[in-house]
PDB file of N, CA and C in Angstrom:
ATOM      1  N   MET A   1      98.602  33.468 131.596  1.00  0.00           N
ATOM      2  CA  MET A   1      97.780  32.996 132.686  1.00  0.00           C
ATOM      3  C   MET A   1      97.527  34.149 133.652  1.00  0.00           C
ATOM      4  N   HIS A   2      96.296  34.359 134.028  1.00  0.00           N
ATOM      5  CA  HIS A   2      95.926  35.418 134.948  1.00  0.00           C
ATOM      6  C   HIS A   2      96.214  34.977 136.370  1.00  0.00           C
ATOM      7  N   LYS A   3      96.988  35.779 137.093  1.00  0.00           N
ATOM      8  CA  LYS A   3      97.363  35.431 138.453  1.00  0.00           C
ATOM      9  C   LYS A   3      96.358  36.012 139.435  1.00  0.00           C
ATOM     10  N   VAL A   4      95.876  35.186 140.336  1.00  0.00           N
ATOM     11  CA  VAL A   4      94.946  35.616 141.367  1.00  0.00           C
ATOM     12  C   VAL A   4      95.431  35.086 142.706  1.00  0.00           C
ATOM     13  N   GLY A   5      94.920  35.618 143.765  1.00  0.00           N
ATOM     14  CA  GLY A   5      95.255  35.103 145.084  1.00  0.00           C
ATOM     15  C   GLY A   5      96.523  35.678 145.653  1.00  0.00           C
ATOM     16  N   ASP A   6      96.762  35.300 146.904  1.00  0.00           N
ATOM     17  CA  ASP A   6      97.924  35.804 147.629  1.00  0.00           C
ATOM     18  C   ASP A   6      99.215  35.257 147.055  1.00  0.00           C
ATOM     19  N   ILE A   7     100.258  36.072 147.171  1.00  0.00           N
ATOM     20  CA  ILE A   7     101.591  35.643 146.764  1.00  0.00           C
ATOM     21  C   ILE A   7     102.282  34.996 147.962  1.00  0.00           C
ATOM     22  N   PRO A   8     103.281  34.160 147.733  1.00  0.00           N
ATOM     23  CA  PRO A   8     104.005  33.556 148.851  1.00  0.00           C
ATOM     24  C   PRO A   8     104.831  34.606 149.599  1.00  0.00           C
ATOM     25  N   THR A   9     105.111  34.325 150.846  1.00  0.00           N
ATOM     26  CA  THR A   9     105.970  35.214 151.617  1.00  0.00           C
ATOM     27  C   THR A   9     107.407  35.071 151.144  1.00  0.00           C
ATOM     28  N   PHE A  10     108.224  36.061 151.474  1.00  0.00           N
ATOM     29  CA  PHE A  10     109.644  36.007 151.139  1.00  0.00           C
ATOM     30  C   PHE A  10     110.279  34.752 151.732  1.00  0.00           C
ATOM     31  N   ASP A  11     109.968  34.459 153.006  1.00  0.00           N
ATOM     32  CA  ASP A  11     110.553  33.285 153.664  1.00  0.00           C
ATOM     33  C   ASP A  11     110.158  31.989 152.963  1.00  0.00           C
ATOM     34  N   ALA A  12     108.911  31.884 152.531  1.00  0.00           N
ATOM     35  CA  ALA A  12     108.467  30.691 151.806  1.00  0.00           C
ATOM     36  C   ALA A  12     109.248  30.540 150.501  1.00  0.00           C
ATOM     37  N   ILE A  13     109.407  31.638 149.786  1.00  0.00           N
ATOM     38  CA  ILE A  13     110.156  31.601 148.523  1.00  0.00           C
ATOM     39  C   ILE A  13     111.586  31.148 148.765  1.00  0.00           C
ATOM     40  N   GLU A  14     112.224  31.693 149.803  1.00  0.00           N
ATOM     41  CA  GLU A  14     113.619  31.352 150.095  1.00  0.00           C
ATOM     42  C   GLU A  14     113.781  29.897 150.534  1.00  0.00           C
ATOM     43  N   VAL A  15     112.905  29.415 151.396  1.00  0.00           N
ATOM     44  CA  VAL A  15     112.999  28.023 151.861  1.00  0.00           C
ATOM     45  C   VAL A  15     112.796  27.059 150.706  1.00  0.00           C
ATOM     46  N   MET A  16     111.852  27.330 149.842  1.00  0.00           N
ATOM     47  CA  MET A  16     111.576  26.407 148.744  1.00  0.00           C
ATOM     48  C   MET A  16     112.687  26.390 147.698  1.00  0.00           C
ATOM     49  N   LYS A  17     113.473  27.455 147.614  1.00  0.00           N
ATOM     50  CA  LYS A  17     114.637  27.442 146.715  1.00  0.00           C
ATOM     51  C   LYS A  17     115.584  26.304 147.085  1.00  0.00           C
ATOM     52  N   LYS A  18     115.662  25.991 148.383  1.00  0.00           N
ATOM     53  CA  LYS A  18     116.535  24.906 148.848  1.00  0.00           C
ATOM     54  C   LYS A  18     116.074  23.551 148.318  1.00  0.00           C
ATOM     55  N   TYR A  19     114.819  23.478 147.905  1.00  0.00           N
ATOM     56  CA  TYR A  19     114.257  22.250 147.344  1.00  0.00           C
ATOM     57  C   TYR A  19     114.199  22.303 145.816  1.00  0.00           C
ATOM     58  N   GLY A  20     114.754  23.367 145.245  1.00  0.00           N
ATOM     59  CA  GLY A  20     114.744  23.526 143.796  1.00  0.00           C
ATOM     60  C   GLY A  20     113.391  23.949 143.246  1.00  0.00           C
ATOM     61  N   ILE A  21     112.580  24.574 144.091  1.00  0.00           N
ATOM     62  CA  ILE A  21     111.238  24.997 143.690  1.00  0.00           C
ATOM     63  C   ILE A  21     111.178  26.518 143.670  1.00  0.00           C
ATOM     64  N   ASP A  22     110.733  27.075 142.559  1.00  0.00           N
ATOM     65  CA  ASP A  22     110.598  28.518 142.400  1.00  0.00           C
ATOM     66  C   ASP A  22     109.140  28.913 142.629  1.00  0.00           C
ATOM     67  N   LEU A  23     108.882  29.601 143.720  1.00  0.00           N
ATOM     68  CA  LEU A  23     107.520  30.026 144.051  1.00  0.00           C
ATOM     69  C   LEU A  23     107.191  31.437 143.568  1.00  0.00           C
ATOM     70  N   ASN A  24     108.083  32.064 142.825  1.00  0.00           N
ATOM     71  CA  ASN A  24     107.866  33.460 142.433  1.00  0.00           C
ATOM     72  C   ASN A  24     106.579  33.682 141.646  1.00  0.00           C
ATOM     73  N   ASN A  25     106.158  32.717 140.863  1.00  0.00           N
ATOM     74  CA  ASN A  25     104.933  32.875 140.079  1.00  0.00           C
ATOM     75  C   ASN A  25     103.728  32.180 140.704  1.00  0.00           C
ATOM     76  N   HIS A  26     103.916  31.603 141.881  1.00  0.00           N
ATOM     77  CA  HIS A  26     102.823  30.898 142.561  1.00  0.00           C
ATOM     78  C   HIS A  26     101.824  31.900 143.150  1.00  0.00           C
ATOM     79  N   ARG A  27     100.560  31.546 143.083  1.00  0.00           N
ATOM     80  CA  ARG A  27      99.493  32.329 143.711  1.00  0.00           C
ATOM     81  C   ARG A  27      98.532  31.353 144.375  1.00  0.00           C
ATOM     82  N   ALA A  28      97.977  31.769 145.486  1.00  0.00           N
ATOM     83  CA  ALA A  28      96.974  30.956 146.161  1.00  0.00           C
ATOM     84  C   ALA A  28      95.753  30.822 145.260  1.00  0.00           C
ATOM     85  N   THR A  29      95.098  29.679 145.343  1.00  0.00           N
ATOM     86  CA  THR A  29      93.893  29.423 144.561  1.00  0.00           C
ATOM     87  C   THR A  29      92.755  29.069 145.509  1.00  0.00           C
ATOM     88  N   ASN A  30      91.606  29.650 145.294  1.00  0.00           N
ATOM     89  CA  ASN A  30      90.430  29.305 146.084  1.00  0.00           C
ATOM     90  C   ASN A  30      89.937  27.944 145.639  1.00  0.00           C
ATOM     91  N   ILE A  31      89.627  27.094 146.597  1.00  0.00           N
ATOM     92  CA  ILE A  31      89.180  25.730 146.292  1.00  0.00           C
ATOM     93  C   ILE A  31      87.951  25.728 145.383  1.00  0.00           C
ATOM     94  N   LYS A  32      87.130  26.758 145.497  1.00  0.00           N
ATOM     95  CA  LYS A  32      85.931  26.833 144.657  1.00  0.00           C
ATOM     96  C   LYS A  32      86.269  27.107 143.198  1.00  0.00           C
ATOM     97  N   ASP A  33      87.516  27.543 142.934  1.00  0.00           N
ATOM     98  CA  ASP A  33      87.954  27.803 141.565  1.00  0.00           C
ATOM     99  C   ASP A  33      88.748  26.634 140.982  1.00  0.00           C
ATOM    100  N   ALA A  34      88.896  25.555 141.758  1.00  0.00           N
ATOM    101  CA  ALA A  34      89.665  24.396 141.316  1.00  0.00           C
ATOM    102  C   ALA A  34      88.711  23.280 140.893  1.00  0.00           C
ATOM    103  N   PRO A  35      89.155  22.426 139.987  1.00  0.00           N
ATOM    104  CA  PRO A  35      88.307  21.298 139.550  1.00  0.00           C
ATOM    105  C   PRO A  35      88.345  20.148 140.565  1.00  0.00           C
ATOM    106  N   ILE A  36      87.960  20.426 141.783  1.00  0.00           N
ATOM    107  CA  ILE A  36      88.092  19.471 142.889  1.00  0.00           C
ATOM    108  C   ILE A  36      87.329  18.170 142.637  1.00  0.00           C
ATOM    109  N   GLU A  37      86.209  18.246 141.955  1.00  0.00           N
ATOM    110  CA  GLU A  37      85.416  17.047 141.690  1.00  0.00           C
ATOM    111  C   GLU A  37      86.177  16.030 140.842  1.00  0.00           C
ATOM    112  N   GLU A  38      87.162  16.489 140.068  1.00  0.00           N
ATOM    113  CA  GLU A  38      87.938  15.623 139.186  1.00  0.00           C
ATOM    114  C   GLU A  38      89.159  15.006 139.871  1.00  0.00           C
ATOM    115  N   MET A  39      89.456  15.434 141.087  1.00  0.00           N
ATOM    116  CA  MET A  39      90.661  14.985 141.778  1.00  0.00           C
ATOM    117  C   MET A  39      90.469  13.612 142.411  1.00  0.00           C
ATOM    118  N   ASP A  40      91.530  12.821 142.380  1.00  0.00           N
ATOM    119  CA  ASP A  40      91.510  11.488 142.983  1.00  0.00           C
ATOM    120  C   ASP A  40      91.802  11.526 144.478  1.00  0.00           C
ATOM    121  N   LEU A  41      92.528  12.555 144.902  1.00  0.00           N
ATOM    122  CA  LEU A  41      92.959  12.671 146.281  1.00  0.00           C
ATOM    123  C   LEU A  41      93.054  14.143 146.637  1.00  0.00           C
ATOM    124  N   ILE A  42      92.548  14.505 147.815  1.00  0.00           N
ATOM    125  CA  ILE A  42      92.578  15.893 148.270  1.00  0.00           C
ATOM    126  C   ILE A  42      93.256  15.902 149.632  1.00  0.00           C
ATOM    127  N   LEU A  43      94.435  16.530 149.697  1.00  0.00           N
ATOM    128  CA  LEU A  43      95.205  16.570 150.933  1.00  0.00           C
ATOM    129  C   LEU A  43      95.169  17.972 151.515  1.00  0.00           C
ATOM    130  N   CYS A  44      94.819  18.051 152.775  1.00  0.00           N
ATOM    131  CA  CYS A  44      94.687  19.322 153.489  1.00  0.00           C
ATOM    132  C   CYS A  44      95.806  19.467 154.511  1.00  0.00           C
ATOM    133  N   ALA A  45      96.201  20.710 154.778  1.00  0.00           N
ATOM    134  CA  ALA A  45      97.277  20.961 155.734  1.00  0.00           C
ATOM    135  C   ALA A  45      96.831  20.737 157.172  1.00  0.00           C
ATOM    136  N   THR A  46      95.569  21.015 157.453  1.00  0.00           N
ATOM    137  CA  THR A  46      95.086  20.893 158.834  1.00  0.00           C
ATOM    138  C   THR A  46      93.756  20.152 158.885  1.00  0.00           C
ATOM    139  N   ASN A  47      93.441  19.662 160.061  1.00  0.00           N
ATOM    140  CA  ASN A  47      92.168  18.979 160.253  1.00  0.00           C
ATOM    141  C   ASN A  47      90.998  19.940 160.043  1.00  0.00           C
ATOM    142  N   SER A  48      91.145  21.194 160.458  1.00  0.00           N
ATOM    143  CA  SER A  48      90.061  22.157 160.248  1.00  0.00           C
ATOM    144  C   SER A  48      89.831  22.410 158.757  1.00  0.00           C
ATOM    145  N   HIS A  49      90.909  22.397 157.956  1.00  0.00           N
ATOM    146  CA  HIS A  49      90.746  22.519 156.499  1.00  0.00           C
ATOM    147  C   HIS A  49      89.995  21.306 155.960  1.00  0.00           C
ATOM    148  N   LYS A  50      90.369  20.114 156.448  1.00  0.00           N
ATOM    149  CA  LYS A  50      89.710  18.882 156.000  1.00  0.00           C
ATOM    150  C   LYS A  50      88.215  18.929 156.293  1.00  0.00           C
ATOM    151  N   VAL A  51      87.859  19.350 157.487  1.00  0.00           N
ATOM    152  CA  VAL A  51      86.446  19.440 157.863  1.00  0.00           C
ATOM    153  C   VAL A  51      85.722  20.447 156.973  1.00  0.00           C
ATOM    154  N   ALA A  52      86.355  21.578 156.715  1.00  0.00           N
ATOM    155  CA  ALA A  52      85.734  22.604 155.865  1.00  0.00           C
ATOM    156  C   ALA A  52      85.516  22.093 154.445  1.00  0.00           C
ATOM    157  N   VAL A  53      86.507  21.385 153.889  1.00  0.00           N
ATOM    158  CA  VAL A  53      86.381  20.847 152.524  1.00  0.00           C
ATOM    159  C   VAL A  53      85.299  19.773 152.484  1.00  0.00           C
ATOM    160  N   ARG A  54      85.262  18.926 153.499  1.00  0.00           N
ATOM    161  CA  ARG A  54      84.213  17.889 153.547  1.00  0.00           C
ATOM    162  C   ARG A  54      82.828  18.511 153.672  1.00  0.00           C
ATOM    163  N   ASN A  55      82.726  19.627 154.376  1.00  0.00           N
ATOM    164  CA  ASN A  55      81.432  20.309 154.478  1.00  0.00           C
ATOM    165  C   ASN A  55      81.006  20.903 153.138  1.00  0.00           C
ATOM    166  N   LEU A  56      81.967  21.400 152.360  1.00  0.00           N
ATOM    167  CA  LEU A  56      81.664  21.954 151.040  1.00  0.00           C
ATOM    168  C   LEU A  56      81.369  20.867 150.007  1.00  0.00           C
ATOM    169  N   TYR A  57      82.073  19.734 150.146  1.00  0.00           N
ATOM    170  CA  TYR A  57      81.982  18.656 149.158  1.00  0.00           C
ATOM    171  C   TYR A  57      81.773  17.318 149.860  1.00  0.00           C
ATOM    172  N   PRO A  58      80.630  17.110 150.496  1.00  0.00           N
ATOM    173  CA  PRO A  58      80.410  15.863 151.242  1.00  0.00           C
ATOM    174  C   PRO A  58      80.490  14.618 150.363  1.00  0.00           C
ATOM    175  N   GLU A  59      80.191  14.744 149.091  1.00  0.00           N
ATOM    176  CA  GLU A  59      80.251  13.602 148.180  1.00  0.00           C
ATOM    177  C   GLU A  59      81.689  13.148 147.909  1.00  0.00           C
ATOM    178  N   LEU A  60      82.670  13.965 148.283  1.00  0.00           N
ATOM    179  CA  LEU A  60      84.079  13.625 148.076  1.00  0.00           C
ATOM    180  C   LEU A  60      84.772  13.214 149.370  1.00  0.00           C
ATOM    181  N   ALA A  61      84.014  12.995 150.425  1.00  0.00           N
ATOM    182  CA  ALA A  61      84.576  12.748 151.764  1.00  0.00           C
ATOM    183  C   ALA A  61      85.607  11.624 151.785  1.00  0.00           C
ATOM    184  N   ASP A  62      85.406  10.584 150.977  1.00  0.00           N
ATOM    185  CA  ASP A  62      86.344   9.458 150.994  1.00  0.00           C
ATOM    186  C   ASP A  62      87.666   9.756 150.287  1.00  0.00           C
ATOM    187  N   LYS A  63      87.796  10.943 149.712  1.00  0.00           N
ATOM    188  CA  LYS A  63      89.031  11.354 149.035  1.00  0.00           C
ATOM    189  C   LYS A  63      89.789  12.428 149.817  1.00  0.00           C
ATOM    190  N   ILE A  64      89.234  12.883 150.933  1.00  0.00           N
ATOM    191  CA  ILE A  64      89.782  14.034 151.650  1.00  0.00           C
ATOM    192  C   ILE A  64      90.463  13.595 152.941  1.00  0.00           C
ATOM    193  N   TYR A  65      91.729  13.968 153.083  1.00  0.00           N
ATOM    194  CA  TYR A  65      92.542  13.613 154.242  1.00  0.00           C
ATOM    195  C   TYR A  65      93.427  14.806 154.616  1.00  0.00           C
ATOM    196  N   THR A  66      93.974  14.776 155.835  1.00  0.00           N
ATOM    197  CA  THR A  66      95.080  15.688 156.106  1.00  0.00           C
ATOM    198  C   THR A  66      96.331  15.031 155.540  1.00  0.00           C
ATOM    199  N   ILE A  67      97.342  15.829 155.280  1.00  0.00           N
ATOM    200  CA  ILE A  67      98.589  15.293 154.735  1.00  0.00           C
ATOM    201  C   ILE A  67      99.171  14.256 155.693  1.00  0.00           C
ATOM    202  N   LYS A  68      99.210  14.606 156.986  1.00  0.00           N
ATOM    203  CA  LYS A  68      99.769  13.675 157.972  1.00  0.00           C
ATOM    204  C   LYS A  68      98.929  12.410 158.097  1.00  0.00           C
ATOM    205  N   GLU A  69      97.636  12.550 158.018  1.00  0.00           N
ATOM    206  CA  GLU A  69      96.745  11.395 158.104  1.00  0.00           C
ATOM    207  C   GLU A  69      97.025  10.428 156.952  1.00  0.00           C
ATOM    208  N   TYR A  70      97.095  10.959 155.732  1.00  0.00           N
ATOM    209  CA  TYR A  70      97.321  10.109 154.565  1.00  0.00           C
ATOM    210  C   TYR A  70      98.716   9.488 154.580  1.00  0.00           C
ATOM    211  N   ALA A  71      99.673  10.212 155.153  1.00  0.00           N
ATOM    212  CA  ALA A  71     101.042   9.709 155.258  1.00  0.00           C
ATOM    213  C   ALA A  71     101.204   8.739 156.424  1.00  0.00           C
ATOM    214  N   SER A  72     100.121   8.508 157.162  1.00  0.00           N
ATOM    215  CA  SER A  72     100.132   7.658 158.361  1.00  0.00           C
ATOM    216  C   SER A  72     101.093   8.193 159.420  1.00  0.00           C
ATOM    217  N   LEU A  73     101.202   9.508 159.507  1.00  0.00           N
ATOM    218  CA  LEU A  73     102.044  10.154 160.515  1.00  0.00           C
ATOM    219  C   LEU A  73     101.210  10.918 161.532  1.00  0.00           C
ATOM    220  N   ALA A  74      99.908  10.758 161.487  1.00  0.00           N
ATOM    221  CA  ALA A  74      99.032  11.483 162.400  1.00  0.00           C
ATOM    222  C   ALA A  74      98.837  10.757 163.707  1.00  0.00           C
ATOM    223  N   LYS A  75      99.500   9.629 163.870  1.00  0.00           N
ATOM    224  CA  LYS A  75      99.357   8.879 165.102  1.00  0.00           C
ATOM    225  C   LYS A  75     100.534   9.173 166.020  1.00  0.00           C
ATOM    226  N   GLU A  76     100.597   8.500 167.110  1.00  0.00           N
ATOM    227  CA  GLU A  76     101.689   8.622 168.064  1.00  0.00           C
ATOM    228  C   GLU A  76     101.870  10.047 168.559  1.00  0.00           C
ATOM    229  N   GLY A  77     100.762  10.756 168.758  1.00  0.00           N
ATOM    230  CA  GLY A  77     100.802  12.088 169.338  1.00  0.00           C
ATOM    231  C   GLY A  77     101.319  13.178 168.427  1.00  0.00           C
ATOM    232  N   LEU A  78     101.469  12.898 167.148  1.00  0.00           N
ATOM    233  CA  LEU A  78     101.985  13.909 166.232  1.00  0.00           C
ATOM    234  C   LEU A  78     100.902  14.865 165.744  1.00  0.00           C
ATOM    235  N   GLY A  79      99.653  14.555 165.984  1.00  0.00           N
ATOM    236  CA  GLY A  79      98.571  15.427 165.540  1.00  0.00           C
ATOM    237  C   GLY A  79      98.306  15.303 164.052  1.00  0.00           C
ATOM    238  N   TYR A  80      97.298  16.032 163.602  1.00  0.00           N
ATOM    239  CA  TYR A  80      96.884  15.983 162.199  1.00  0.00           C
ATOM    240  C   TYR A  80      97.358  17.182 161.387  1.00  0.00           C
ATOM    241  N   ASP A  81      97.811  18.226 162.060  1.00  0.00           N
ATOM    242  CA  ASP A  81      98.085  19.486 161.375  1.00  0.00           C
ATOM    243  C   ASP A  81      99.549  19.680 161.004  1.00  0.00           C
ATOM    244  N   ILE A  82      99.746  20.271 159.834  1.00  0.00           N
ATOM    245  CA  ILE A  82     101.053  20.802 159.451  1.00  0.00           C
ATOM    246  C   ILE A  82     101.099  22.201 160.068  1.00  0.00           C
ATOM    247  N   SER A  83     102.188  22.530 160.718  1.00  0.00           N
ATOM    248  CA  SER A  83     102.312  23.845 161.344  1.00  0.00           C
ATOM    249  C   SER A  83     102.177  24.957 160.304  1.00  0.00           C
ATOM    250  N   ASP A  84     101.491  26.020 160.669  1.00  0.00           N
ATOM    251  CA  ASP A  84     101.336  27.164 159.778  1.00  0.00           C
ATOM    252  C   ASP A  84     102.452  28.154 160.066  1.00  0.00           C
ATOM    253  N   PRO A  85     103.368  28.358 159.122  1.00  0.00           N
ATOM    254  CA  PRO A  85     104.509  29.225 159.384  1.00  0.00           C
ATOM    255  C   PRO A  85     104.232  30.726 159.198  1.00  0.00           C
ATOM    256  N   TRP A  86     103.074  31.066 158.657  1.00  0.00           N
ATOM    257  CA  TRP A  86     102.800  32.463 158.326  1.00  0.00           C
ATOM    258  C   TRP A  86     102.954  33.346 159.556  1.00  0.00           C
ATOM    259  N   GLY A  87     103.731  34.415 159.408  1.00  0.00           N
ATOM    260  CA  GLY A  87     103.942  35.359 160.492  1.00  0.00           C
ATOM    261  C   GLY A  87     105.146  35.029 161.365  1.00  0.00           C
ATOM    262  N   TYR A  88     105.793  33.912 161.088  1.00  0.00           N
ATOM    263  CA  TYR A  88     106.978  33.518 161.845  1.00  0.00           C
ATOM    264  C   TYR A  88     108.202  33.644 160.955  1.00  0.00           C
ATOM    265  N   GLY A  89     109.367  33.424 161.496  1.00  0.00           N
ATOM    266  CA  GLY A  89     110.607  33.589 160.752  1.00  0.00           C
ATOM    267  C   GLY A  89     111.024  32.376 159.960  1.00  0.00           C
ATOM    268  N   MET A  90     112.179  32.513 159.345  1.00  0.00           N
ATOM    269  CA  MET A  90     112.735  31.487 158.472  1.00  0.00           C
ATOM    270  C   MET A  90     112.853  30.117 159.155  1.00  0.00           C
ATOM    271  N   PRO A  91     113.268  30.025 160.424  1.00  0.00           N
ATOM    272  CA  PRO A  91     113.364  28.692 161.039  1.00  0.00           C
ATOM    273  C   PRO A  91     112.013  27.959 161.071  1.00  0.00           C
ATOM    274  N   THR A  92     110.932  28.684 161.275  1.00  0.00           N
ATOM    275  CA  THR A  92     109.604  28.062 161.305  1.00  0.00           C
ATOM    276  C   THR A  92     109.205  27.603 159.911  1.00  0.00           C
ATOM    277  N   TYR A  93     109.528  28.385 158.892  1.00  0.00           N
ATOM    278  CA  TYR A  93     109.249  27.974 157.511  1.00  0.00           C
ATOM    279  C   TYR A  93     110.040  26.716 157.158  1.00  0.00           C
ATOM    280  N   GLN A  94     111.297  26.661 157.599  1.00  0.00           N
ATOM    281  CA  GLN A  94     112.111  25.479 157.315  1.00  0.00           C
ATOM    282  C   GLN A  94     111.551  24.258 158.026  1.00  0.00           C
ATOM    283  N   LYS A  95     111.118  24.425 159.277  1.00  0.00           N
ATOM    284  CA  LYS A  95     110.529  23.310 160.033  1.00  0.00           C
ATOM    285  C   LYS A  95     109.272  22.802 159.322  1.00  0.00           C
ATOM    286  N   CYS A  96     108.453  23.712 158.852  1.00  0.00           N
ATOM    287  CA  CYS A  96     107.227  23.354 158.141  1.00  0.00           C
ATOM    288  C   CYS A  96     107.569  22.600 156.851  1.00  0.00           C
ATOM    289  N   ALA A  97     108.556  23.095 156.107  1.00  0.00           N
ATOM    290  CA  ALA A  97     108.959  22.445 154.854  1.00  0.00           C
ATOM    291  C   ALA A  97     109.473  21.031 155.125  1.00  0.00           C
ATOM    292  N   THR A  98     110.233  20.872 156.190  1.00  0.00           N
ATOM    293  CA  THR A  98     110.742  19.548 156.556  1.00  0.00           C
ATOM    294  C   THR A  98     109.601  18.612 156.929  1.00  0.00           C
ATOM    295  N   GLU A  99     108.628  19.151 157.649  1.00  0.00           N
ATOM    296  CA  GLU A  99     107.446  18.369 158.045  1.00  0.00           C
ATOM    297  C   GLU A  99     106.684  17.879 156.807  1.00  0.00           C
ATOM    298  N   ILE A 100     106.501  18.765 155.848  1.00  0.00           N
ATOM    299  CA  ILE A 100     105.817  18.399 154.602  1.00  0.00           C
ATOM    300  C   ILE A 100     106.647  17.392 153.816  1.00  0.00           C
ATOM    301  N   GLU A 101     107.949  17.614 153.749  1.00  0.00           N
ATOM    302  CA  GLU A 101     108.827  16.685 153.027  1.00  0.00           C
ATOM    303  C   GLU A 101     108.739  15.280 153.621  1.00  0.00           C
ATOM    304  N   ASN A 102     108.766  15.168 154.941  1.00  0.00           N
ATOM    305  CA  ASN A 102     108.661  13.860 155.586  1.00  0.00           C
ATOM    306  C   ASN A 102     107.344  13.174 155.224  1.00  0.00           C
ATOM    307  N   CYS A 103     106.269  13.932 155.209  1.00  0.00           N
ATOM    308  CA  CYS A 103     104.966  13.376 154.835  1.00  0.00           C
ATOM    309  C   CYS A 103     104.963  12.927 153.384  1.00  0.00           C
ATOM    310  N   LEU A 104     105.495  13.757 152.506  1.00  0.00           N
ATOM    311  CA  LEU A 104     105.493  13.422 151.081  1.00  0.00           C
ATOM    312  C   LEU A 104     106.316  12.175 150.786  1.00  0.00           C
ATOM    313  N   GLU A 105     107.407  11.992 151.517  1.00  0.00           N
ATOM    314  CA  GLU A 105     108.197  10.772 151.326  1.00  0.00           C
ATOM    315  C   GLU A 105     107.359   9.535 151.647  1.00  0.00           C
ATOM    316  N   LYS A 106     106.586   9.600 152.729  1.00  0.00           N
ATOM    317  CA  LYS A 106     105.718   8.477 153.114  1.00  0.00           C
ATOM    318  C   LYS A 106     104.593   8.277 152.099  1.00  0.00           C
ATOM    319  N   ILE A 107     104.045   9.389 151.601  1.00  0.00           N
ATOM    320  CA  ILE A 107     102.944   9.299 150.631  1.00  0.00           C
ATOM    321  C   ILE A 107     103.445   8.692 149.325  1.00  0.00           C
ATOM    322  N   VAL A 108     104.606   9.083 148.876  1.00  0.00           N
ATOM    323  CA  VAL A 108     105.163   8.527 147.634  1.00  0.00           C
ATOM    324  C   VAL A 108     105.373   7.025 147.790  1.00  0.00           C
ATOM    325  N   GLU A 109     105.862   6.588 148.941  1.00  0.00           N
ATOM    326  CA  GLU A 109     106.014   5.153 149.196  1.00  0.00           C
ATOM    327  C   GLU A 109     104.656   4.445 149.129  1.00  0.00           C
ATOM    328  N   LYS A 110     103.639   5.110 149.644  1.00  0.00           N
ATOM    329  CA  LYS A 110     102.291   4.533 149.691  1.00  0.00           C
ATOM    330  C   LYS A 110     101.676   4.409 148.306  1.00  0.00           C
ATOM    331  N   LEU A 111     101.949   5.376 147.448  1.00  0.00           N
ATOM    332  CA  LEU A 111     101.361   5.371 146.107  1.00  0.00           C
ATOM    333  C   LEU A 111     102.095   4.389 145.227  1.00  0.00           C
TER     334      LEU A 111
END
């Protein structure tokens, strides 16, 4: 498999090891290179990402949500965005991972 895109940061790799996930071979993928039209659900980390994806694929608007929105955690002043840990230290990466984990637990219950 040809690897393209950015590699994960050291902190991301280390935090995800705690979840039993190996990011060493992970690479970022451009949405334009993904089969997005075939997806049943498209979850974005931030509201600005959601808006950008909806602008690119308006016909898929009913499938596009932020992670927190779909997990029903975007209310009660929690906002729509998952914090971006890039450029911060390990504690910020761990906080972000915990935030995503909490959302995924709610999403799994929903599905």
